[in-house]
Amino acid sequence: MIIVLRPDASQEDLKYIIDRAEKLGLTPHISQGTERTIIGLIGSEDGLRAIPLEAFPGVEKVIPILAPYKLVSREFKKENTVIPINDHLTIGGNKVVVMAGPCAIENEALLLEIGEKVKAAGASILRAGAYKPRTSPYAFQGLGVEGLKILSRVSKKLNIPTITEVMDPRDVEIVAQHTDILQVGARNMQNFNLLKEVGSTKKPVLLKRGLSSTIKELLMSAEYVMASGNHNVMLCERGIRTFEEMTRNTFDVSAIPVIKQLSHLPVIADPSHAAGVWSYVAPLSKAALAAGTDGLIIEVHTKPAEALSDGAQSLLPERLVELMQDLKKIAHAIGRDI
């Protein structure tokens, strides 16, 4: 249920509604736009019917949310959500943000070298994994806590924010200590205990679409994070599993405008995991930008042939430079910055 307050509604009116709702076991979520304050009430239908919301002081109108995902939907919030990463960077506004770096943290010297190159190319965020979910139990699984410490040191040296994956609810606290954005990978999209745990933090969360998940399922997973108190959520299209074998996954470019119509949350595209082949990453990145993505997350490595993870889909730094130049032209054509 959405309660739209009148422009002249007072703080006392707002507090009265919140107090009444909480006494009935409902959870209020406040969204303050440029013209209106909106309260989203989440809870049982019986609880929502128990109070005459239209009669409350300061209430302009009451609107039921029809979508099963409440807080995520455009019905709850009309304007786009803009997520602050630090004092100088936001995601979800006019600027398209590029996150780039190696799939996995291998050692500090290499991460520092790659970080310097991706930052020079124009990337705003350094991506690198300390924990790696791999199909084979014998493949490189990441450096764990030591990798997190390396990421944190490189972040400070280069003065660049970072994103890394968290796989286990028990690791959320320590991962959050060492990075600026928590990534929930495709294989964990419906790990509901993990979603609740990252929802209990205030760290921005990048939630990747599952390998065979529908857009609705992705939005419902985001609802878990937001219902747990964290509204700083980004949704990532990274390709889905189909019958096609020429690429690692099938990049669903249509998901970008669909999600942006259904939800106010920023959308990020991951062309590297969609393609699985470095030569396809640039075309998919351009398509995603033209379709309206708010950001790109791209794998980059100085020696892809020697990479411990996902070398085949990693761009060389010089190819990222070339891609950034092309992306700037597309961004300019559609009235955005990059």
C-alpha atoms as a PDB file:
ATOM      1  CA  MET A   1       0.000   0.000   0.000  1.00  0.00           C
ATOM      2  CA  ILE A   2       1.268   3.492  -0.871  1.00  0.00           C
ATOM      3  CA  ILE A   3       0.234   6.567   1.117  1.00  0.00           C
ATOM      4  CA  VAL A   4       0.802   9.843  -0.704  1.00  0.00           C
ATOM      5  CA  LEU A   5       1.002  12.801   1.658  1.00  0.00           C
ATOM      6  CA  ARG A   6      -0.202  16.298   0.830  1.00  0.00           C
ATOM      7  CA  PRO A   7       2.502  18.914   0.151  1.00  0.00           C
ATOM      8  CA  ASP A   8       1.536  20.688   3.385  1.00  0.00           C
ATOM      9  CA  ALA A   9       1.670  17.532   5.533  1.00  0.00           C
ATOM     10  CA  SER A  10       3.631  18.075   8.732  1.00  0.00           C
ATOM     11  CA  GLN A  11       6.232  15.913  10.452  1.00  0.00           C
ATOM     12  CA  GLU A  12       3.618  15.241  13.127  1.00  0.00           C
ATOM     13  CA  ASP A  13       1.284  13.847  10.441  1.00  0.00           C
ATOM     14  CA  LEU A  14       4.084  11.616   9.171  1.00  0.00           C
ATOM     15  CA  LYS A  15       4.966  10.382  12.665  1.00  0.00           C
ATOM     16  CA  TYR A  16       1.324   9.639  13.480  1.00  0.00           C
ATOM     17  CA  ILE A  17       0.946   7.395  10.420  1.00  0.00           C
ATOM     18  CA  ILE A  18       4.213   5.575  11.101  1.00  0.00           C
ATOM     19  CA  ASP A  19       3.332   4.985  14.770  1.00  0.00           C
ATOM     20  CA  ARG A  20      -0.123   3.606  13.918  1.00  0.00           C
ATOM     21  CA  ALA A  21       1.285   1.346  11.227  1.00  0.00           C
ATOM     22  CA  GLU A  22       4.039  -0.074  13.438  1.00  0.00           C
ATOM     23  CA  LYS A  23       1.557  -0.852  16.231  1.00  0.00           C
ATOM     24  CA  LEU A  24      -0.325  -3.040  13.751  1.00  0.00           C
ATOM     25  CA  GLY A  25       2.841  -4.899  12.750  1.00  0.00           C
ATOM     26  CA  LEU A  26       3.259  -3.074   9.432  1.00  0.00           C
ATOM     27  CA  THR A  27       6.652  -1.911   8.166  1.00  0.00           C
ATOM     28  CA  PRO A  28       6.742   1.667   6.842  1.00  0.00           C
ATOM     29  CA  HIS A  29       9.233   2.713   4.154  1.00  0.00           C
ATOM     30  CA  ILE A  30       9.522   6.434   3.497  1.00  0.00           C
ATOM     31  CA  SER A  31      10.395   7.884   0.079  1.00  0.00           C
ATOM     32  CA  GLN A  32      10.781  11.654  -0.060  1.00  0.00           C
ATOM     33  CA  GLY A  33      10.581  12.993  -3.602  1.00  0.00           C
ATOM     34  CA  THR A  34      10.923  16.530  -4.868  1.00  0.00           C
ATOM     35  CA  GLU A  35       7.201  17.298  -4.482  1.00  0.00           C
ATOM     36  CA  ARG A  36       5.670  14.583  -2.328  1.00  0.00           C
ATOM     37  CA  THR A  37       6.482  12.316   0.581  1.00  0.00           C
ATOM     38  CA  ILE A  38       5.353   8.743   0.039  1.00  0.00           C
ATOM     39  CA  ILE A  39       5.001   6.038   2.671  1.00  0.00           C
ATOM     40  CA  GLY A  40       5.048   2.431   1.559  1.00  0.00           C
ATOM     41  CA  LEU A  41       3.390   0.090   4.048  1.00  0.00           C
ATOM     42  CA  ILE A  42       4.436  -3.542   3.861  1.00  0.00           C
ATOM     43  CA  GLY A  43       2.593  -6.232   5.798  1.00  0.00           C
ATOM     44  CA  SER A  44      -0.467  -8.441   5.938  1.00  0.00           C
ATOM     45  CA  GLU A  45      -3.659  -7.518   4.134  1.00  0.00           C
ATOM     46  CA  ASP A  46      -5.552  -7.713   7.431  1.00  0.00           C
ATOM     47  CA  GLY A  47      -3.228  -5.152   8.972  1.00  0.00           C
ATOM     48  CA  LEU A  48      -3.582  -2.812   6.010  1.00  0.00           C
ATOM     49  CA  ARG A  49      -7.386  -3.038   6.116  1.00  0.00           C
ATOM     50  CA  ALA A  50      -7.443  -2.391   9.854  1.00  0.00           C
ATOM     51  CA  ILE A  51      -6.681   1.328   9.601  1.00  0.00           C
ATOM     52  CA  PRO A  52      -8.682   4.005   7.709  1.00  0.00           C
ATOM     53  CA  LEU A  53      -5.655   5.457   5.942  1.00  0.00           C
ATOM     54  CA  GLU A  54      -7.634   7.934   3.839  1.00  0.00           C
ATOM     55  CA  ALA A  55      -8.907   9.609   7.011  1.00  0.00           C
ATOM     56  CA  PHE A  56      -5.473  10.222   8.513  1.00  0.00           C
ATOM     57  CA  PRO A  57      -4.232  13.815   8.749  1.00  0.00           C
ATOM     58  CA  GLY A  58      -1.953  14.871   5.906  1.00  0.00           C
ATOM     59  CA  VAL A  59      -2.972  12.028   3.584  1.00  0.00           C
ATOM     60  CA  GLU A  60      -3.790  12.977  -0.004  1.00  0.00           C
ATOM     61  CA  LYS A  61      -4.513   9.513  -1.402  1.00  0.00           C
ATOM     62  CA  VAL A  62      -3.920   5.804  -0.846  1.00  0.00           C
ATOM     63  CA  ILE A  63      -2.837   3.558  -3.708  1.00  0.00           C
ATOM     64  CA  PRO A  64      -2.592  -0.246  -3.583  1.00  0.00           C
ATOM     65  CA  ILE A  65       0.588  -1.721  -5.084  1.00  0.00           C
ATOM     66  CA  LEU A  66      -0.484  -4.438  -7.488  1.00  0.00           C
ATOM     67  CA  ALA A  67       2.970  -5.849  -8.306  1.00  0.00           C
ATOM     68  CA  PRO A  68       4.258  -8.597  -5.962  1.00  0.00           C
ATOM     69  CA  TYR A  69       7.489  -6.617  -5.620  1.00  0.00           C
ATOM     70  CA  LYS A  70       6.469  -3.548  -3.616  1.00  0.00           C
ATOM     71  CA  LEU A  71       9.478  -1.419  -2.689  1.00  0.00           C
ATOM     72  CA  VAL A  72      11.238  -2.192  -5.979  1.00  0.00           C
ATOM     73  CA  SER A  73       8.361  -1.058  -8.192  1.00  0.00           C
ATOM     74  CA  ARG A  74       7.769   2.205 -10.024  1.00  0.00           C
ATOM     75  CA  GLU A  75       4.436   2.333  -8.209  1.00  0.00           C
ATOM     76  CA  PHE A  76       6.313   2.907  -4.956  1.00  0.00           C
ATOM     77  CA  LYS A  77       8.752   5.437  -6.402  1.00  0.00           C
ATOM     78  CA  LYS A  78       8.309   7.240  -9.717  1.00  0.00           C
ATOM     79  CA  GLU A  79      11.707   8.916  -9.973  1.00  0.00           C
ATOM     80  CA  ASN A  80      14.909   6.968 -10.577  1.00  0.00           C
ATOM     81  CA  THR A  81      16.886   5.950  -7.518  1.00  0.00           C
ATOM     82  CA  VAL A  82      20.357   7.497  -7.451  1.00  0.00           C
ATOM     83  CA  ILE A  83      22.809   5.631  -5.205  1.00  0.00           C
ATOM     84  CA  PRO A  84      25.747   7.500  -3.636  1.00  0.00           C
ATOM     85  CA  ILE A  85      29.022   5.558  -3.714  1.00  0.00           C
ATOM     86  CA  ASN A  86      31.211   8.281  -2.235  1.00  0.00           C
ATOM     87  CA  ASP A  87      31.294  12.084  -2.080  1.00  0.00           C
ATOM     88  CA  HIS A  88      32.038  12.346  -5.805  1.00  0.00           C
ATOM     89  CA  LEU A  89      30.270   9.397  -7.437  1.00  0.00           C
ATOM     90  CA  THR A  90      26.661   8.252  -7.785  1.00  0.00           C
ATOM     91  CA  ILE A  91      25.003   5.516  -9.830  1.00  0.00           C
ATOM     92  CA  GLY A  92      21.586   5.928 -11.427  1.00  0.00           C
ATOM     93  CA  GLY A  93      21.880   9.522 -12.578  1.00  0.00           C
ATOM     94  CA  ASN A  94      22.889  10.925 -15.960  1.00  0.00           C
ATOM     95  CA  LYS A  95      26.437   9.571 -15.745  1.00  0.00           C
ATOM     96  CA  VAL A  96      26.964   5.987 -16.925  1.00  0.00           C
ATOM     97  CA  VAL A  97      29.463   4.398 -14.523  1.00  0.00           C
ATOM     98  CA  VAL A  98      32.061   1.883 -15.697  1.00  0.00           C
ATOM     99  CA  MET A  99      33.371  -0.746 -13.246  1.00  0.00           C
ATOM    100  CA  ALA A 100      36.439  -2.585 -14.534  1.00  0.00           C
ATOM    101  CA  GLY A 101      39.171  -4.916 -13.358  1.00  0.00           C
ATOM    102  CA  PRO A 102      40.177  -8.570 -13.154  1.00  0.00           C
ATOM    103  CA  CYS A 103      37.761 -11.373 -12.395  1.00  0.00           C
ATOM    104  CA  ALA A 104      39.873 -12.462  -9.433  1.00  0.00           C
ATOM    105  CA  ILE A 105      42.471 -10.879  -7.158  1.00  0.00           C
ATOM    106  CA  GLU A 106      45.686 -12.808  -7.824  1.00  0.00           C
ATOM    107  CA  ASN A 107      48.303 -10.669  -6.064  1.00  0.00           C
ATOM    108  CA  GLU A 108      48.712  -7.062  -4.967  1.00  0.00           C
ATOM    109  CA  ALA A 109      51.194  -5.951  -7.623  1.00  0.00           C
ATOM    110  CA  LEU A 110      49.017  -7.203 -10.454  1.00  0.00           C
ATOM    111  CA  LEU A 111      45.824  -5.684  -9.035  1.00  0.00           C
ATOM    112  CA  LEU A 112      47.576  -2.348  -8.571  1.00  0.00           C
ATOM    113  CA  GLU A 113      48.844  -2.446 -12.161  1.00  0.00           C
ATOM    114  CA  ILE A 114      45.407  -3.274 -13.580  1.00  0.00           C
ATOM    115  CA  GLY A 115      43.736  -0.742 -11.288  1.00  0.00           C
ATOM    116  CA  GLU A 116      46.009   2.050 -12.512  1.00  0.00           C
ATOM    117  CA  LYS A 117      45.246   1.200 -16.122  1.00  0.00           C
ATOM    118  CA  VAL A 118      41.455   0.930 -15.797  1.00  0.00           C
ATOM    119  CA  LYS A 119      41.307   4.190 -13.858  1.00  0.00           C
ATOM    120  CA  ALA A 120      43.404   5.915 -16.527  1.00  0.00           C
ATOM    121  CA  ALA A 121      41.032   4.541 -19.170  1.00  0.00           C
ATOM    122  CA  GLY A 122      38.072   6.207 -17.452  1.00  0.00           C
ATOM    123  CA  ALA A 123      36.634   3.529 -15.170  1.00  0.00           C
ATOM    124  CA  SER A 124      35.176   4.943 -11.946  1.00  0.00           C
ATOM    125  CA  ILE A 125      35.126   1.711  -9.895  1.00  0.00           C
ATOM    126  CA  LEU A 126      37.620  -1.147  -9.576  1.00  0.00           C
ATOM    127  CA  ARG A 127      36.110  -4.631  -9.694  1.00  0.00           C
ATOM    128  CA  ALA A 128      37.924  -7.730  -8.452  1.00  0.00           C
ATOM    129  CA  GLY A 129      36.875 -10.925  -6.697  1.00  0.00           C
ATOM    130  CA  ALA A 130      38.273 -12.263  -3.422  1.00  0.00           C
ATOM    131  CA  TYR A 131      35.745 -15.130  -3.305  1.00  0.00           C
ATOM    132  CA  LYS A 132      35.055 -16.919  -6.587  1.00  0.00           C
ATOM    133  CA  PRO A 133      32.092 -19.259  -7.107  1.00  0.00           C
ATOM    134  CA  ARG A 134      33.387 -21.732  -9.693  1.00  0.00           C
ATOM    135  CA  THR A 135      31.604 -24.544 -11.489  1.00  0.00           C
ATOM    136  CA  SER A 136      34.504 -26.878 -10.729  1.00  0.00           C
ATOM    137  CA  PRO A 137      35.595 -27.428  -7.108  1.00  0.00           C
ATOM    138  CA  TYR A 138      39.176 -27.756  -8.420  1.00  0.00           C
ATOM    139  CA  ALA A 139      39.285 -24.310 -10.039  1.00  0.00           C
ATOM    140  CA  PHE A 140      40.817 -21.263  -8.319  1.00  0.00           C
ATOM    141  CA  GLN A 141      38.420 -20.170  -5.565  1.00  0.00           C
ATOM    142  CA  GLY A 142      39.971 -16.801  -4.711  1.00  0.00           C
ATOM    143  CA  LEU A 143      42.249 -15.490  -1.966  1.00  0.00           C
ATOM    144  CA  GLY A 144      39.487 -14.874   0.558  1.00  0.00           C
ATOM    145  CA  VAL A 145      40.240 -12.486   3.419  1.00  0.00           C
ATOM    146  CA  GLU A 146      43.782 -11.819   2.176  1.00  0.00           C
ATOM    147  CA  GLY A 147      42.283 -10.823  -1.172  1.00  0.00           C
ATOM    148  CA  LEU A 148      39.939  -8.400   0.579  1.00  0.00           C
ATOM    149  CA  LYS A 149      42.883  -6.773   2.348  1.00  0.00           C
ATOM    150  CA  ILE A 150      44.737  -6.429  -0.960  1.00  0.00           C
ATOM    151  CA  LEU A 151      41.654  -4.849  -2.550  1.00  0.00           C
ATOM    152  CA  SER A 152      41.351  -2.385   0.308  1.00  0.00           C
ATOM    153  CA  ARG A 153      45.014  -1.355   0.092  1.00  0.00           C
ATOM    154  CA  VAL A 154      44.857  -0.886  -3.683  1.00  0.00           C
ATOM    155  CA  SER A 155      41.657   1.128  -3.319  1.00  0.00           C
ATOM    156  CA  LYS A 156      43.383   3.523  -0.928  1.00  0.00           C
ATOM    157  CA  LYS A 157      46.522   3.814  -3.077  1.00  0.00           C
ATOM    158  CA  LEU A 158      44.553   4.633  -6.221  1.00  0.00           C
ATOM    159  CA  ASN A 159      41.729   6.545  -4.513  1.00  0.00           C
ATOM    160  CA  ILE A 160      39.121   4.508  -6.375  1.00  0.00           C
ATOM    161  CA  PRO A 161      35.995   2.786  -4.960  1.00  0.00           C
ATOM    162  CA  THR A 162      35.671  -0.971  -5.311  1.00  0.00           C
ATOM    163  CA  ILE A 163      33.161  -3.756  -5.825  1.00  0.00           C
ATOM    164  CA  THR A 164      33.615  -7.412  -4.887  1.00  0.00           C
ATOM    165  CA  GLU A 165      31.406 -10.465  -4.480  1.00  0.00           C
ATOM    166  CA  VAL A 166      30.096 -11.861  -1.218  1.00  0.00           C
ATOM    167  CA  MET A 167      28.911 -15.487  -1.258  1.00  0.00           C
ATOM    168  CA  ASP A 168      28.177 -16.404   2.349  1.00  0.00           C
ATOM    169  CA  PRO A 169      25.998 -14.582   4.918  1.00  0.00           C
ATOM    170  CA  ARG A 170      28.796 -15.159   7.459  1.00  0.00           C
ATOM    171  CA  ASP A 171      31.202 -13.128   5.307  1.00  0.00           C
ATOM    172  CA  VAL A 172      29.014 -10.058   4.754  1.00  0.00           C
ATOM    173  CA  GLU A 173      30.454  -8.080   7.668  1.00  0.00           C
ATOM    174  CA  ILE A 174      34.098  -8.549   6.727  1.00  0.00           C
ATOM    175  CA  VAL A 175      33.499  -8.013   3.010  1.00  0.00           C
ATOM    176  CA  ALA A 176      31.609  -4.803   3.807  1.00  0.00           C
ATOM    177  CA  GLN A 177      34.617  -3.588   5.805  1.00  0.00           C
ATOM    178  CA  HIS A 178      36.897  -3.793   2.761  1.00  0.00           C
ATOM    179  CA  THR A 179      34.794  -2.684  -0.212  1.00  0.00           C
ATOM    180  CA  ASP A 180      32.342   0.016  -1.297  1.00  0.00           C
ATOM    181  CA  ILE A 181      29.803  -2.171  -3.145  1.00  0.00           C
ATOM    182  CA  LEU A 182      28.674  -5.698  -2.289  1.00  0.00           C
ATOM    183  CA  GLN A 183      28.067  -7.920  -5.299  1.00  0.00           C
ATOM    184  CA  VAL A 184      25.616 -10.815  -5.085  1.00  0.00           C
ATOM    185  CA  GLY A 185      26.435 -13.149  -7.955  1.00  0.00           C
ATOM    186  CA  ALA A 186      24.076 -14.913 -10.336  1.00  0.00           C
ATOM    187  CA  ARG A 187      24.367 -18.228  -8.492  1.00  0.00           C
ATOM    188  CA  ASN A 188      23.296 -16.543  -5.251  1.00  0.00           C
ATOM    189  CA  MET A 189      20.431 -14.441  -6.590  1.00  0.00           C
ATOM    190  CA  GLN A 190      17.933 -16.545  -4.628  1.00  0.00           C
ATOM    191  CA  ASN A 191      20.130 -17.189  -1.598  1.00  0.00           C
ATOM    192  CA  PHE A 192      17.550 -15.505   0.621  1.00  0.00           C
ATOM    193  CA  ASN A 193      19.613 -15.647   3.810  1.00  0.00           C
ATOM    194  CA  LEU A 194      22.418 -13.831   1.998  1.00  0.00           C
ATOM    195  CA  LEU A 195      19.965 -11.267   0.582  1.00  0.00           C
ATOM    196  CA  LYS A 196      18.615 -10.539   4.057  1.00  0.00           C
ATOM    197  CA  GLU A 197      22.130 -10.165   5.439  1.00  0.00           C
ATOM    198  CA  VAL A 198      23.285  -7.689   2.794  1.00  0.00           C
ATOM    199  CA  GLY A 199      19.938  -5.959   3.316  1.00  0.00           C
ATOM    200  CA  SER A 200      20.876  -5.361   6.943  1.00  0.00           C
ATOM    201  CA  THR A 201      23.873  -3.269   5.837  1.00  0.00           C
ATOM    202  CA  LYS A 202      23.761   0.168   4.245  1.00  0.00           C
ATOM    203  CA  LYS A 203      26.353  -0.724   1.629  1.00  0.00           C
ATOM    204  CA  PRO A 204      25.252  -0.465  -2.028  1.00  0.00           C
ATOM    205  CA  VAL A 205      24.408  -3.888  -3.445  1.00  0.00           C
ATOM    206  CA  LEU A 206      24.803  -5.094  -7.031  1.00  0.00           C
ATOM    207  CA  LEU A 207      22.367  -7.974  -7.536  1.00  0.00           C
ATOM    208  CA  LYS A 208      23.018 -10.121 -10.592  1.00  0.00           C
ATOM    209  CA  ARG A 209      20.265 -11.918 -12.480  1.00  0.00           C
ATOM    210  CA  GLY A 210      20.373 -15.689 -12.061  1.00  0.00           C
ATOM    211  CA  LEU A 211      21.437 -17.990 -14.871  1.00  0.00           C
ATOM    212  CA  SER A 212      17.871 -19.092 -15.649  1.00  0.00           C
ATOM    213  CA  SER A 213      15.883 -16.480 -13.735  1.00  0.00           C
ATOM    214  CA  THR A 214      13.054 -14.325 -15.010  1.00  0.00           C
ATOM    215  CA  ILE A 215      12.996 -10.567 -14.603  1.00  0.00           C
ATOM    216  CA  LYS A 216      10.200 -10.947 -12.053  1.00  0.00           C
ATOM    217  CA  GLU A 217      12.350 -13.313  -9.988  1.00  0.00           C
ATOM    218  CA  LEU A 218      15.209 -10.801 -10.088  1.00  0.00           C
ATOM    219  CA  LEU A 219      12.895  -8.044  -8.857  1.00  0.00           C
ATOM    220  CA  MET A 220      11.553 -10.262  -6.083  1.00  0.00           C
ATOM    221  CA  SER A 221      15.123 -10.982  -4.940  1.00  0.00           C
ATOM    222  CA  ALA A 222      15.802  -7.244  -4.838  1.00  0.00           C
ATOM    223  CA  GLU A 223      12.671  -6.916  -2.719  1.00  0.00           C
ATOM    224  CA  TYR A 224      14.302  -9.176  -0.096  1.00  0.00           C
ATOM    225  CA  VAL A 225      17.234  -6.763   0.184  1.00  0.00           C
ATOM    226  CA  MET A 226      15.043  -3.670   0.336  1.00  0.00           C
ATOM    227  CA  ALA A 227      12.553  -5.191   2.772  1.00  0.00           C
ATOM    228  CA  SER A 228      15.507  -5.837   5.087  1.00  0.00           C
ATOM    229  CA  GLY A 229      16.230  -2.096   5.159  1.00  0.00           C
ATOM    230  CA  ASN A 230      18.789  -1.496   2.409  1.00  0.00           C
ATOM    231  CA  HIS A 231      17.399   0.553  -0.498  1.00  0.00           C
ATOM    232  CA  ASN A 232      20.781   1.002  -2.225  1.00  0.00           C
ATOM    233  CA  VAL A 233      20.258  -1.790  -4.753  1.00  0.00           C
ATOM    234  CA  MET A 234      21.394  -2.079  -8.381  1.00  0.00           C
ATOM    235  CA  LEU A 235      20.093  -4.762 -10.738  1.00  0.00           C
ATOM    236  CA  CYS A 236      22.531  -6.448 -13.117  1.00  0.00           C
ATOM    237  CA  GLU A 237      21.769  -8.119 -16.443  1.00  0.00           C
ATOM    238  CA  ARG A 238      24.619 -10.579 -17.098  1.00  0.00           C
ATOM    239  CA  GLY A 239      23.133 -12.933 -19.654  1.00  0.00           C
ATOM    240  CA  ILE A 240      20.889 -15.953 -19.199  1.00  0.00           C
ATOM    241  CA  ARG A 241      21.251 -19.623 -20.080  1.00  0.00           C
ATOM    242  CA  THR A 242      19.583 -20.600 -23.362  1.00  0.00           C
ATOM    243  CA  PHE A 243      20.076 -23.293 -25.995  1.00  0.00           C
ATOM    244  CA  GLU A 244      22.704 -21.134 -27.759  1.00  0.00           C
ATOM    245  CA  GLU A 245      26.303 -22.359 -27.390  1.00  0.00           C
ATOM    246  CA  MET A 246      28.258 -19.764 -29.360  1.00  0.00           C
ATOM    247  CA  THR A 247      28.424 -17.450 -26.347  1.00  0.00           C
ATOM    248  CA  ARG A 248      28.808 -18.211 -22.650  1.00  0.00           C
ATOM    249  CA  ASN A 249      25.299 -16.846 -22.017  1.00  0.00           C
ATOM    250  CA  THR A 250      22.669 -15.001 -24.044  1.00  0.00           C
ATOM    251  CA  PHE A 251      22.728 -11.289 -23.275  1.00  0.00           C
ATOM    252  CA  ASP A 252      19.120 -10.140 -22.782  1.00  0.00           C
ATOM    253  CA  VAL A 253      19.434  -6.534 -23.906  1.00  0.00           C
ATOM    254  CA  SER A 254      15.638  -6.159 -23.726  1.00  0.00           C
ATOM    255  CA  ALA A 255      15.843  -6.701 -19.965  1.00  0.00           C
ATOM    256  CA  ILE A 256      17.375  -3.240 -19.538  1.00  0.00           C
ATOM    257  CA  PRO A 257      14.380  -1.159 -20.738  1.00  0.00           C
ATOM    258  CA  VAL A 258      11.926  -3.655 -19.224  1.00  0.00           C
ATOM    259  CA  ILE A 259      13.489  -3.406 -15.765  1.00  0.00           C
ATOM    260  CA  LYS A 260      13.732   0.376 -15.989  1.00  0.00           C
ATOM    261  CA  GLN A 261      10.018   0.548 -16.796  1.00  0.00           C
ATOM    262  CA  LEU A 262       9.053  -1.753 -13.928  1.00  0.00           C
ATOM    263  CA  SER A 263      11.515  -0.496 -11.303  1.00  0.00           C
ATOM    264  CA  HIS A 264      13.148   2.719 -10.122  1.00  0.00           C
ATOM    265  CA  LEU A 265      16.446   0.954  -9.317  1.00  0.00           C
ATOM    266  CA  PRO A 266      19.604   1.471 -11.421  1.00  0.00           C
ATOM    267  CA  VAL A 267      20.419  -1.180 -14.030  1.00  0.00           C
ATOM    268  CA  ILE A 268      23.965  -2.389 -14.682  1.00  0.00           C
ATOM    269  CA  ALA A 269      25.062  -4.550 -17.631  1.00  0.00           C
ATOM    270  CA  ASP A 270      27.767  -7.224 -17.477  1.00  0.00           C
ATOM    271  CA  PRO A 271      28.835  -7.909 -21.087  1.00  0.00           C
ATOM    272  CA  SER A 272      31.866  -9.965 -20.027  1.00  0.00           C
ATOM    273  CA  HIS A 273      29.907 -12.794 -18.393  1.00  0.00           C
ATOM    274  CA  ALA A 274      27.254 -12.606 -21.095  1.00  0.00           C
ATOM    275  CA  ALA A 275      29.776 -13.032 -23.907  1.00  0.00           C
ATOM    276  CA  GLY A 276      32.444 -15.263 -22.448  1.00  0.00           C
ATOM    277  CA  VAL A 277      34.657 -14.085 -25.333  1.00  0.00           C
ATOM    278  CA  TRP A 278      36.574 -10.805 -25.188  1.00  0.00           C
ATOM    279  CA  SER A 279      35.839  -9.823 -28.810  1.00  0.00           C
ATOM    280  CA  TYR A 280      32.099  -9.681 -28.110  1.00  0.00           C
ATOM    281  CA  VAL A 281      32.394  -7.480 -25.009  1.00  0.00           C
ATOM    282  CA  ALA A 282      32.664  -4.155 -26.851  1.00  0.00           C
ATOM    283  CA  PRO A 283      29.599  -4.677 -29.107  1.00  0.00           C
ATOM    284  CA  LEU A 284      27.479  -5.812 -26.159  1.00  0.00           C
ATOM    285  CA  SER A 285      28.662  -2.844 -24.071  1.00  0.00           C
ATOM    286  CA  LYS A 286      27.587  -0.440 -26.802  1.00  0.00           C
ATOM    287  CA  ALA A 287      24.206  -2.155 -27.153  1.00  0.00           C
ATOM    288  CA  ALA A 288      23.641  -1.980 -23.395  1.00  0.00           C
ATOM    289  CA  LEU A 289      24.470   1.729 -23.309  1.00  0.00           C
ATOM    290  CA  ALA A 290      22.108   2.453 -26.194  1.00  0.00           C
ATOM    291  CA  ALA A 291      19.381   0.442 -24.406  1.00  0.00           C
ATOM    292  CA  GLY A 292      19.631   2.636 -21.309  1.00  0.00           C
ATOM    293  CA  THR A 293      21.985   0.944 -18.849  1.00  0.00           C
ATOM    294  CA  ASP A 294      23.227   3.035 -15.916  1.00  0.00           C
ATOM    295  CA  GLY A 295      26.567   1.264 -15.779  1.00  0.00           C
ATOM    296  CA  LEU A 296      28.822  -1.444 -17.132  1.00  0.00           C
ATOM    297  CA  ILE A 297      30.944  -3.996 -15.256  1.00  0.00           C
ATOM    298  CA  ILE A 298      33.783  -5.211 -17.476  1.00  0.00           C
ATOM    299  CA  GLU A 299      36.594  -7.684 -16.876  1.00  0.00           C
ATOM    300  CA  VAL A 300      40.095  -6.407 -17.701  1.00  0.00           C
ATOM    301  CA  HIS A 301      43.465  -8.134 -17.312  1.00  0.00           C
ATOM    302  CA  THR A 302      46.985  -7.213 -18.442  1.00  0.00           C
ATOM    303  CA  LYS A 303      47.797 -10.864 -19.233  1.00  0.00           C
ATOM    304  CA  PRO A 304      44.505 -12.642 -20.018  1.00  0.00           C
ATOM    305  CA  ALA A 305      46.277 -15.819 -21.139  1.00  0.00           C
ATOM    306  CA  GLU A 306      47.748 -16.179 -17.642  1.00  0.00           C
ATOM    307  CA  ALA A 307      44.652 -15.133 -15.682  1.00  0.00           C
ATOM    308  CA  LEU A 308      43.542 -17.529 -12.953  1.00  0.00           C
ATOM    309  CA  SER A 309      39.879 -16.879 -13.781  1.00  0.00           C
ATOM    310  CA  ASP A 310      37.919 -15.812 -16.900  1.00  0.00           C
ATOM    311  CA  GLY A 311      40.894 -14.809 -19.039  1.00  0.00           C
ATOM    312  CA  ALA A 312      39.017 -15.583 -22.264  1.00  0.00           C
ATOM    313  CA  GLN A 313      36.484 -12.805 -21.663  1.00  0.00           C
ATOM    314  CA  SER A 314      38.899 -10.206 -20.264  1.00  0.00           C
ATOM    315  CA  LEU A 315      39.840  -7.127 -22.258  1.00  0.00           C
ATOM    316  CA  LEU A 316      43.392  -5.884 -22.442  1.00  0.00           C
ATOM    317  CA  PRO A 317      43.663  -2.367 -20.910  1.00  0.00           C
ATOM    318  CA  GLU A 318      44.312  -0.800 -24.340  1.00  0.00           C
ATOM    319  CA  ARG A 319      41.093  -2.323 -25.646  1.00  0.00           C
ATOM    320  CA  LEU A 320      39.219  -0.788 -22.708  1.00  0.00           C
ATOM    321  CA  VAL A 321      40.661   2.589 -23.733  1.00  0.00           C
ATOM    322  CA  GLU A 322      39.317   2.108 -27.267  1.00  0.00           C
ATOM    323  CA  LEU A 323      35.932   0.992 -25.962  1.00  0.00           C
ATOM    324  CA  MET A 324      35.634   4.006 -23.659  1.00  0.00           C
ATOM    325  CA  GLN A 325      36.145   6.336 -26.609  1.00  0.00           C
ATOM    326  CA  ASP A 326      33.318   4.632 -28.528  1.00  0.00           C
ATOM    327  CA  LEU A 327      31.062   4.642 -25.482  1.00  0.00           C
ATOM    328  CA  LYS A 328      31.554   8.391 -25.065  1.00  0.00           C
ATOM    329  CA  LYS A 329      30.194   8.939 -28.569  1.00  0.00           C
ATOM    330  CA  ILE A 330      27.094   6.855 -27.866  1.00  0.00           C
ATOM    331  CA  ALA A 331      26.559   8.528 -24.494  1.00  0.00           C
ATOM    332  CA  HIS A 332      26.762  11.944 -26.127  1.00  0.00           C
ATOM    333  CA  ALA A 333      24.244  10.900 -28.781  1.00  0.00           C
ATOM    334  CA  ILE A 334      21.665   9.857 -26.169  1.00  0.00           C
ATOM    335  CA  GLY A 335      22.268  12.807 -23.844  1.00  0.00           C
ATOM    336  CA  ARG A 336      24.287  11.069 -21.139  1.00  0.00           C
ATOM    337  CA  ASP A 337      27.816  11.283 -19.723  1.00  0.00           C
ATOM    338  CA  ILE A 338      30.363   8.529 -19.182  1.00  0.00           C
END
